Protein backbone atom coordinates (compact mmCIF):
# COMPACT_ATOMS: atom_id res chain seq x y z
CA MET A 1 -93.84 -39.96 -18.98
CA LEU A 2 -96.29 -38.48 -21.51
CA TYR A 3 -93.40 -37.78 -23.92
CA ILE A 4 -92.36 -41.45 -23.83
CA PHE A 5 -95.94 -42.56 -24.54
CA ILE A 6 -96.29 -40.17 -27.50
CA THR A 7 -92.94 -41.32 -28.95
CA TRP A 8 -93.99 -44.99 -28.61
CA LEU A 9 -97.35 -44.23 -30.24
CA ILE A 10 -95.66 -42.54 -33.24
CA LEU A 11 -93.24 -45.47 -33.64
CA MET A 12 -96.13 -47.96 -33.60
CA LEU A 13 -98.03 -45.93 -36.21
CA ILE A 14 -94.96 -45.86 -38.49
CA LEU A 15 -94.47 -49.63 -38.16
CA LEU A 16 -98.17 -50.22 -38.81
CA ALA A 17 -98.11 -48.03 -41.93
CA GLN A 18 -95.05 -49.88 -43.27
CA GLY A 19 -96.74 -53.24 -42.64
CA ILE A 20 -99.90 -52.13 -44.45
CA GLN A 21 -97.87 -50.89 -47.44
CA LYS A 22 -96.00 -54.24 -47.68
CA ASN A 23 -99.20 -56.29 -47.43
CA SER A 24 -101.26 -54.21 -49.89
CA LYS A 25 -98.67 -53.71 -52.66
CA ASP A 26 -100.06 -56.58 -54.76
CA ARG A 27 -103.67 -55.64 -54.02
CA GLU A 28 -103.04 -51.98 -54.92
CA GLY A 29 -101.52 -53.01 -58.24
CA SER A 30 -104.52 -55.16 -59.18
CA ASP A 31 -106.93 -52.43 -58.03
CA LEU A 32 -105.12 -49.86 -60.18
CA LYS A 33 -105.32 -52.19 -63.20
CA ARG A 34 -109.06 -52.72 -62.65
CA TRP A 35 -109.62 -48.97 -62.21
CA GLY A 36 -107.64 -48.30 -65.40
CA GLU A 37 -109.75 -50.79 -67.36
CA GLN A 38 -112.99 -49.26 -66.06
CA TYR A 39 -111.71 -45.77 -66.90
CA ARG A 40 -110.87 -46.81 -70.48
CA LYS A 41 -114.33 -48.32 -70.97
CA LYS A 42 -115.89 -44.96 -70.08
C-alpha cells in the first residue's frame, strides 16, 4: 500500500514539474533577457 502511494506521489510531482516548465517558458525567457540587460549595465 505504501509503495503504491509513493509511486503515485512521484508521478504527480513529475506531472507538476512538466506543467510548471510549460507555463513558465515565456516568463523565464523574459526574465533571462532582463537579467542579461541588468548584467550588461553593470
